[in-house]
């Protein structure tokens, strides 16, 4: 099995991809541990601040030492230089807010999963033609489940995951899965800045476990 397919399988199996960023390296590590404790095996750390790279390297170290089976991806990658930097840092997969052809060429050539954000059929076609297999529907709150329902028959060979606007409620998650997605990206609705500021890691664990159980129930 290719490393690309393995990354897809892990994300699809858990049915969700938690994503977060915190400027504080210790808090970033604590969140990762909390997610691992309740069975999460793929996490997106977003590159949204000057501390992101150094924090990511620390997360990789902790993962290698203490978290077997955890895939650690990097998000908000917008150019090839960023992709190359995080490749050297050991990222397992990459998420972009949009489709960047040179990133696709670089990562697919390395057998690494690249999931670009797409908002139109034109962007999805361009990504598919470049060899991309996993599409992030972004922003999910603007597109909505009806968009997914409308395009899924046109792209039978692609895996879709909405990010942005996916609530932790059964109604929100179930509507997306019924529309044809294979996983949902869960950011601030799951791991809020407030929860991280207060270091309420037990809350992160309980909410994540609840969402995992909910997805399992929805899938039947």
C-alpha atoms as a PDB file:
ATOM      1  CA  UNK A   1       0.000   0.000   0.000  1.00  0.00           C
ATOM      2  CA  UNK A   2       1.276   3.474  -0.848  1.00  0.00           C
ATOM      3  CA  UNK A   3       1.883   6.038   1.886  1.00  0.00           C
ATOM      4  CA  UNK A   4      -0.725   8.249   0.192  1.00  0.00           C
ATOM      5  CA  UNK A   5      -3.359   5.529   0.421  1.00  0.00           C
ATOM      6  CA  UNK A   6      -2.388   4.733   4.007  1.00  0.00           C
ATOM      7  CA  UNK A   7      -2.892   8.374   5.043  1.00  0.00           C
ATOM      8  CA  UNK A   8      -6.275   8.455   3.296  1.00  0.00           C
ATOM      9  CA  UNK A   9      -7.300   5.200   4.992  1.00  0.00           C
ATOM     10  CA  UNK A  10      -6.393   6.465   8.473  1.00  0.00           C
ATOM     11  CA  UNK A  11      -8.333   9.718   8.028  1.00  0.00           C
ATOM     12  CA  UNK A  12     -11.343   8.003   6.482  1.00  0.00           C
ATOM     13  CA  UNK A  13     -11.382   5.305   9.173  1.00  0.00           C
ATOM     14  CA  UNK A  14     -11.643   7.848  11.987  1.00  0.00           C
ATOM     15  CA  UNK A  15     -14.123   9.875   9.917  1.00  0.00           C
ATOM     16  CA  UNK A  16     -12.801  13.208  11.078  1.00  0.00           C
ATOM     17  CA  UNK A  17      -9.619  15.236  10.959  1.00  0.00           C
ATOM     18  CA  UNK A  18      -8.991  17.453  13.991  1.00  0.00           C
ATOM     19  CA  UNK A  19      -7.067  20.616  13.144  1.00  0.00           C
ATOM     20  CA  UNK A  20      -5.614  23.289  15.378  1.00  0.00           C
ATOM     21  CA  UNK A  21      -2.792  25.737  16.015  1.00  0.00           C
ATOM     22  CA  UNK A  22      -1.489  27.285  19.197  1.00  0.00           C
ATOM     23  CA  UNK A  23       1.492  29.620  19.472  1.00  0.00           C
ATOM     24  CA  UNK A  24       2.410  27.951  22.775  1.00  0.00           C
ATOM     25  CA  UNK A  25       4.443  24.823  22.069  1.00  0.00           C
ATOM     26  CA  UNK A  26       3.512  23.172  25.367  1.00  0.00           C
ATOM     27  CA  UNK A  27      -0.194  23.672  24.735  1.00  0.00           C
ATOM     28  CA  UNK A  28       0.233  22.323  21.202  1.00  0.00           C
ATOM     29  CA  UNK A  29       1.816  19.180  22.620  1.00  0.00           C
ATOM     30  CA  UNK A  30      -0.888  18.795  25.291  1.00  0.00           C
ATOM     31  CA  UNK A  31      -3.663  19.003  22.690  1.00  0.00           C
ATOM     32  CA  UNK A  32      -1.961  16.370  20.546  1.00  0.00           C
ATOM     33  CA  UNK A  33      -1.655  14.040  23.533  1.00  0.00           C
ATOM     34  CA  UNK A  34      -5.323  14.556  24.396  1.00  0.00           C
ATOM     35  CA  UNK A  35      -6.381  13.641  20.867  1.00  0.00           C
ATOM     36  CA  UNK A  36      -4.125  10.579  20.845  1.00  0.00           C
ATOM     37  CA  UNK A  37      -5.537   9.426  24.200  1.00  0.00           C
ATOM     38  CA  UNK A  38      -9.031   9.033  22.745  1.00  0.00           C
ATOM     39  CA  UNK A  39      -7.976   7.189  19.599  1.00  0.00           C
ATOM     40  CA  UNK A  40      -7.206   9.914  17.049  1.00  0.00           C
ATOM     41  CA  UNK A  41      -4.487   8.748  14.672  1.00  0.00           C
ATOM     42  CA  UNK A  42      -4.331  11.648  12.186  1.00  0.00           C
ATOM     43  CA  UNK A  43      -4.127  15.334  13.103  1.00  0.00           C
ATOM     44  CA  UNK A  44      -3.641  18.499  11.062  1.00  0.00           C
ATOM     45  CA  UNK A  45      -1.502  21.181  12.694  1.00  0.00           C
ATOM     46  CA  UNK A  46      -2.079  24.458  10.868  1.00  0.00           C
ATOM     47  CA  UNK A  47       0.809  26.692   9.824  1.00  0.00           C
ATOM     48  CA  UNK A  48      -0.734  29.973  10.936  1.00  0.00           C
ATOM     49  CA  UNK A  49       1.940  31.759  12.914  1.00  0.00           C
ATOM     50  CA  UNK A  50       5.687  32.327  13.189  1.00  0.00           C
ATOM     51  CA  UNK A  51       5.887  29.628  15.865  1.00  0.00           C
ATOM     52  CA  UNK A  52       4.288  26.965  13.665  1.00  0.00           C
ATOM     53  CA  UNK A  53       7.459  25.366  12.299  1.00  0.00           C
ATOM     54  CA  UNK A  54       9.320  25.117  15.607  1.00  0.00           C
ATOM     55  CA  UNK A  55       6.165  23.815  17.314  1.00  0.00           C
ATOM     56  CA  UNK A  56       5.639  21.266  14.554  1.00  0.00           C
ATOM     57  CA  UNK A  57       9.173  19.942  14.975  1.00  0.00           C
ATOM     58  CA  UNK A  58       8.506  19.486  18.705  1.00  0.00           C
ATOM     59  CA  UNK A  59       5.263  17.671  17.925  1.00  0.00           C
ATOM     60  CA  UNK A  60       7.116  15.331  15.576  1.00  0.00           C
ATOM     61  CA  UNK A  61       9.669  14.582  18.316  1.00  0.00           C
ATOM     62  CA  UNK A  62       6.954  13.809  20.869  1.00  0.00           C
ATOM     63  CA  UNK A  63       5.013  11.759  18.328  1.00  0.00           C
ATOM     64  CA  UNK A  64       8.077   9.694  17.455  1.00  0.00           C
ATOM     65  CA  UNK A  65       8.821   9.060  21.125  1.00  0.00           C
ATOM     66  CA  UNK A  66       5.350   8.495  22.551  1.00  0.00           C
ATOM     67  CA  UNK A  67       2.625   8.118  19.916  1.00  0.00           C
ATOM     68  CA  UNK A  68       3.028   5.096  17.632  1.00  0.00           C
ATOM     69  CA  UNK A  69       0.636   5.100  14.697  1.00  0.00           C
ATOM     70  CA  UNK A  70      -0.083   8.833  14.776  1.00  0.00           C
ATOM     71  CA  UNK A  71       0.030  10.693  11.452  1.00  0.00           C
ATOM     72  CA  UNK A  72       0.906  14.356  11.839  1.00  0.00           C
ATOM     73  CA  UNK A  73      -0.025  16.565   8.920  1.00  0.00           C
ATOM     74  CA  UNK A  74       0.501  20.244   8.249  1.00  0.00           C
ATOM     75  CA  UNK A  75      -2.215  22.614   7.080  1.00  0.00           C
ATOM     76  CA  UNK A  76      -2.478  26.064   5.475  1.00  0.00           C
ATOM     77  CA  UNK A  77       0.357  25.260   3.071  1.00  0.00           C
ATOM     78  CA  UNK A  78       0.206  27.806   0.236  1.00  0.00           C
ATOM     79  CA  UNK A  79       3.482  27.533  -1.698  1.00  0.00           C
ATOM     80  CA  UNK A  80       6.197  25.083  -2.660  1.00  0.00           C
ATOM     81  CA  UNK A  81       8.772  26.557  -0.266  1.00  0.00           C
ATOM     82  CA  UNK A  82       6.478  25.829   2.685  1.00  0.00           C
ATOM     83  CA  UNK A  83       5.856  22.306   1.426  1.00  0.00           C
ATOM     84  CA  UNK A  84       9.586  21.629   1.098  1.00  0.00           C
ATOM     85  CA  UNK A  85      10.286  23.029   4.569  1.00  0.00           C
ATOM     86  CA  UNK A  86       7.685  20.839   6.246  1.00  0.00           C
ATOM     87  CA  UNK A  87       8.727  17.815   4.194  1.00  0.00           C
ATOM     88  CA  UNK A  88      12.172  18.128   5.786  1.00  0.00           C
ATOM     89  CA  UNK A  89      10.466  18.519   9.180  1.00  0.00           C
ATOM     90  CA  UNK A  90       8.706  15.184   8.680  1.00  0.00           C
ATOM     91  CA  UNK A  91       5.071  16.029   7.909  1.00  0.00           C
ATOM     92  CA  UNK A  92       3.003  12.954   6.979  1.00  0.00           C
ATOM     93  CA  UNK A  93       0.423  14.782   4.857  1.00  0.00           C
ATOM     94  CA  UNK A  94      -0.380  18.290   3.636  1.00  0.00           C
ATOM     95  CA  UNK A  95      -3.558  20.364   3.500  1.00  0.00           C
ATOM     96  CA  UNK A  96      -3.970  23.607   1.544  1.00  0.00           C
ATOM     97  CA  UNK A  97      -6.741  26.223   1.527  1.00  0.00           C
ATOM     98  CA  UNK A  98      -6.550  26.098  -2.292  1.00  0.00           C
ATOM     99  CA  UNK A  99      -5.079  23.973  -5.081  1.00  0.00           C
ATOM    100  CA  UNK A 100      -1.386  24.682  -5.810  1.00  0.00           C
ATOM    101  CA  UNK A 101      -0.174  22.607  -8.816  1.00  0.00           C
ATOM    102  CA  UNK A 102       3.542  22.714  -7.925  1.00  0.00           C
ATOM    103  CA  UNK A 103       2.809  21.437  -4.420  1.00  0.00           C
ATOM    104  CA  UNK A 104       0.826  18.565  -5.913  1.00  0.00           C
ATOM    105  CA  UNK A 105       3.687  17.671  -8.247  1.00  0.00           C
ATOM    106  CA  UNK A 106       6.256  17.792  -5.438  1.00  0.00           C
ATOM    107  CA  UNK A 107       4.302  15.774  -2.873  1.00  0.00           C
ATOM    108  CA  UNK A 108       2.775  13.182  -5.191  1.00  0.00           C
ATOM    109  CA  UNK A 109       6.286  12.589  -6.512  1.00  0.00           C
ATOM    110  CA  UNK A 110       7.326  11.854  -2.916  1.00  0.00           C
ATOM    111  CA  UNK A 111       4.330   9.551  -2.350  1.00  0.00           C
ATOM    112  CA  UNK A 112       2.899  11.958   0.238  1.00  0.00           C
ATOM    113  CA  UNK A 113      -0.793  12.834   0.576  1.00  0.00           C
ATOM    114  CA  UNK A 114      -1.766  16.311  -0.624  1.00  0.00           C
ATOM    115  CA  UNK A 115      -5.340  17.457   0.060  1.00  0.00           C
ATOM    116  CA  UNK A 116      -6.034  20.838  -1.547  1.00  0.00           C
ATOM    117  CA  UNK A 117      -8.981  23.044  -0.704  1.00  0.00           C
ATOM    118  CA  UNK A 118     -11.386  23.352  -3.633  1.00  0.00           C
ATOM    119  CA  UNK A 119     -14.562  25.388  -4.049  1.00  0.00           C
ATOM    120  CA  UNK A 120     -15.572  24.766  -7.675  1.00  0.00           C
ATOM    121  CA  UNK A 121     -15.831  21.822 -10.074  1.00  0.00           C
ATOM    122  CA  UNK A 122     -13.106  23.483 -12.163  1.00  0.00           C
ATOM    123  CA  UNK A 123     -10.673  23.419  -9.236  1.00  0.00           C
ATOM    124  CA  UNK A 124     -11.593  19.827  -8.403  1.00  0.00           C
ATOM    125  CA  UNK A 125     -11.020  18.750 -12.019  1.00  0.00           C
ATOM    126  CA  UNK A 126      -7.626  20.490 -12.075  1.00  0.00           C
ATOM    127  CA  UNK A 127      -6.633  18.744  -8.840  1.00  0.00           C
ATOM    128  CA  UNK A 128      -7.862  15.356 -10.044  1.00  0.00           C
ATOM    129  CA  UNK A 129      -5.974  15.724 -13.319  1.00  0.00           C
ATOM    130  CA  UNK A 130      -2.821  16.484 -11.315  1.00  0.00           C
ATOM    131  CA  UNK A 131      -3.151  13.166  -9.483  1.00  0.00           C
ATOM    132  CA  UNK A 132      -4.847  14.372  -6.285  1.00  0.00           C
ATOM    133  CA  UNK A 133      -7.128  11.784  -4.650  1.00  0.00           C
ATOM    134  CA  UNK A 134      -8.354  13.633  -1.538  1.00  0.00           C
ATOM    135  CA  UNK A 135     -10.226  16.958  -1.782  1.00  0.00           C
ATOM    136  CA  UNK A 136     -10.893  19.386   1.038  1.00  0.00           C
ATOM    137  CA  UNK A 137     -14.174  21.192   0.379  1.00  0.00           C
ATOM    138  CA  UNK A 138     -13.419  24.688   1.619  1.00  0.00           C
ATOM    139  CA  UNK A 139     -14.997  26.721   3.005  1.00  0.00           C
ATOM    140  CA  UNK A 140     -17.562  24.118   3.966  1.00  0.00           C
ATOM    141  CA  UNK A 141     -19.950  26.626   5.516  1.00  0.00           C
ATOM    142  CA  UNK A 142     -20.259  28.465   2.193  1.00  0.00           C
ATOM    143  CA  UNK A 143     -20.515  25.361  -0.012  1.00  0.00           C
ATOM    144  CA  UNK A 144     -22.823  23.282   2.187  1.00  0.00           C
ATOM    145  CA  UNK A 145     -23.862  19.617   1.891  1.00  0.00           C
ATOM    146  CA  UNK A 146     -26.058  20.330  -1.150  1.00  0.00           C
ATOM    147  CA  UNK A 147     -22.938  21.196  -3.148  1.00  0.00           C
ATOM    148  CA  UNK A 148     -21.417  17.841  -2.233  1.00  0.00           C
ATOM    149  CA  UNK A 149     -24.621  16.043  -3.226  1.00  0.00           C
ATOM    150  CA  UNK A 150     -24.593  17.842  -6.550  1.00  0.00           C
ATOM    151  CA  UNK A 151     -21.045  16.886  -7.549  1.00  0.00           C
ATOM    152  CA  UNK A 152     -20.429  13.458  -6.054  1.00  0.00           C
ATOM    153  CA  UNK A 153     -21.581  11.487  -9.111  1.00  0.00           C
ATOM    154  CA  UNK A 154     -19.176  13.498 -11.291  1.00  0.00           C
ATOM    155  CA  UNK A 155     -16.158  12.556  -9.139  1.00  0.00           C
ATOM    156  CA  UNK A 156     -16.645   8.914  -8.133  1.00  0.00           C
ATOM    157  CA  UNK A 157     -12.919   8.290  -7.616  1.00  0.00           C
ATOM    158  CA  UNK A 158     -12.222  11.148  -5.215  1.00  0.00           C
ATOM    159  CA  UNK A 159     -12.433  11.323  -1.432  1.00  0.00           C
ATOM    160  CA  UNK A 160     -14.078  14.470  -0.031  1.00  0.00           C
ATOM    161  CA  UNK A 161     -13.802  16.182   3.354  1.00  0.00           C
ATOM    162  CA  UNK A 162     -15.436  19.526   4.227  1.00  0.00           C
ATOM    163  CA  UNK A 163     -13.601  21.921   6.519  1.00  0.00           C
ATOM    164  CA  UNK A 164     -15.069  25.107   7.937  1.00  0.00           C
ATOM    165  CA  UNK A 165     -18.534  25.325   9.406  1.00  0.00           C
ATOM    166  CA  UNK A 166     -18.919  21.658  10.344  1.00  0.00           C
ATOM    167  CA  UNK A 167     -20.608  21.562  13.741  1.00  0.00           C
ATOM    168  CA  UNK A 168     -20.101  18.866  16.353  1.00  0.00           C
ATOM    169  CA  UNK A 169     -23.846  18.115  16.299  1.00  0.00           C
ATOM    170  CA  UNK A 170     -25.341  14.930  14.904  1.00  0.00           C
ATOM    171  CA  UNK A 171     -27.460  16.890  12.425  1.00  0.00           C
ATOM    172  CA  UNK A 172     -24.476  18.719  10.923  1.00  0.00           C
ATOM    173  CA  UNK A 173     -22.200  15.688  10.678  1.00  0.00           C
ATOM    174  CA  UNK A 174     -24.923  13.319   9.468  1.00  0.00           C
ATOM    175  CA  UNK A 175     -26.044  15.743   6.741  1.00  0.00           C
ATOM    176  CA  UNK A 176     -22.490  15.906   5.382  1.00  0.00           C
ATOM    177  CA  UNK A 177     -21.995  12.142   5.430  1.00  0.00           C
ATOM    178  CA  UNK A 178     -25.364  11.592   3.764  1.00  0.00           C
ATOM    179  CA  UNK A 179     -24.246  14.031   1.050  1.00  0.00           C
ATOM    180  CA  UNK A 180     -21.259  11.805   0.268  1.00  0.00           C
ATOM    181  CA  UNK A 181     -18.206  12.952   2.230  1.00  0.00           C
ATOM    182  CA  UNK A 182     -15.836  10.398   3.762  1.00  0.00           C
ATOM    183  CA  UNK A 183     -14.631  12.535   6.681  1.00  0.00           C
ATOM    184  CA  UNK A 184     -15.144  15.981   8.209  1.00  0.00           C
ATOM    185  CA  UNK A 185     -12.484  18.500   9.179  1.00  0.00           C
ATOM    186  CA  UNK A 186     -13.024  19.728  12.735  1.00  0.00           C
ATOM    187  CA  UNK A 187     -11.288  22.931  13.824  1.00  0.00           C
ATOM    188  CA  UNK A 188     -12.436  25.566  16.302  1.00  0.00           C
ATOM    189  CA  UNK A 189     -15.820  23.898  16.828  1.00  0.00           C
ATOM    190  CA  UNK A 190     -13.925  20.985  18.402  1.00  0.00           C
ATOM    191  CA  UNK A 191     -10.727  22.611  19.711  1.00  0.00           C
ATOM    192  CA  UNK A 192     -11.565  26.212  20.519  1.00  0.00           C
ATOM    193  CA  UNK A 193      -9.068  28.905  21.483  1.00  0.00           C
ATOM    194  CA  UNK A 194     -10.923  29.258  24.769  1.00  0.00           C
ATOM    195  CA  UNK A 195     -10.513  25.582  25.625  1.00  0.00           C
ATOM    196  CA  UNK A 196      -6.789  25.774  24.828  1.00  0.00           C
ATOM    197  CA  UNK A 197      -6.330  29.006  26.789  1.00  0.00           C
ATOM    198  CA  UNK A 198      -7.901  27.420  29.855  1.00  0.00           C
ATOM    199  CA  UNK A 199      -5.958  24.199  29.230  1.00  0.00           C
ATOM    200  CA  UNK A 200      -9.208  22.231  29.476  1.00  0.00           C
ATOM    201  CA  UNK A 201      -7.716  19.148  27.863  1.00  0.00           C
ATOM    202  CA  UNK A 202     -10.302  16.862  29.477  1.00  0.00           C
ATOM    203  CA  UNK A 203     -12.945  18.803  27.530  1.00  0.00           C
ATOM    204  CA  UNK A 204     -11.069  18.167  24.286  1.00  0.00           C
ATOM    205  CA  UNK A 205     -10.895  14.459  25.091  1.00  0.00           C
ATOM    206  CA  UNK A 206     -14.598  14.183  25.974  1.00  0.00           C
ATOM    207  CA  UNK A 207     -15.775  16.158  22.931  1.00  0.00           C
ATOM    208  CA  UNK A 208     -13.490  14.285  20.536  1.00  0.00           C
ATOM    209  CA  UNK A 209     -14.620  10.913  21.897  1.00  0.00           C
ATOM    210  CA  UNK A 210     -18.246  12.021  21.601  1.00  0.00           C
ATOM    211  CA  UNK A 211     -17.768  13.040  17.951  1.00  0.00           C
ATOM    212  CA  UNK A 212     -15.917   9.804  17.127  1.00  0.00           C
ATOM    213  CA  UNK A 213     -18.768   7.780  18.651  1.00  0.00           C
ATOM    214  CA  UNK A 214     -21.300   9.922  16.791  1.00  0.00           C
ATOM    215  CA  UNK A 215     -19.601   9.268  13.452  1.00  0.00           C
ATOM    216  CA  UNK A 216     -19.486   5.556  14.160  1.00  0.00           C
ATOM    217  CA  UNK A 217     -23.232   5.596  14.923  1.00  0.00           C
ATOM    218  CA  UNK A 218     -24.043   7.618  11.791  1.00  0.00           C
ATOM    219  CA  UNK A 219     -22.110   5.204   9.623  1.00  0.00           C
ATOM    220  CA  UNK A 220     -23.967   2.315  11.215  1.00  0.00           C
END
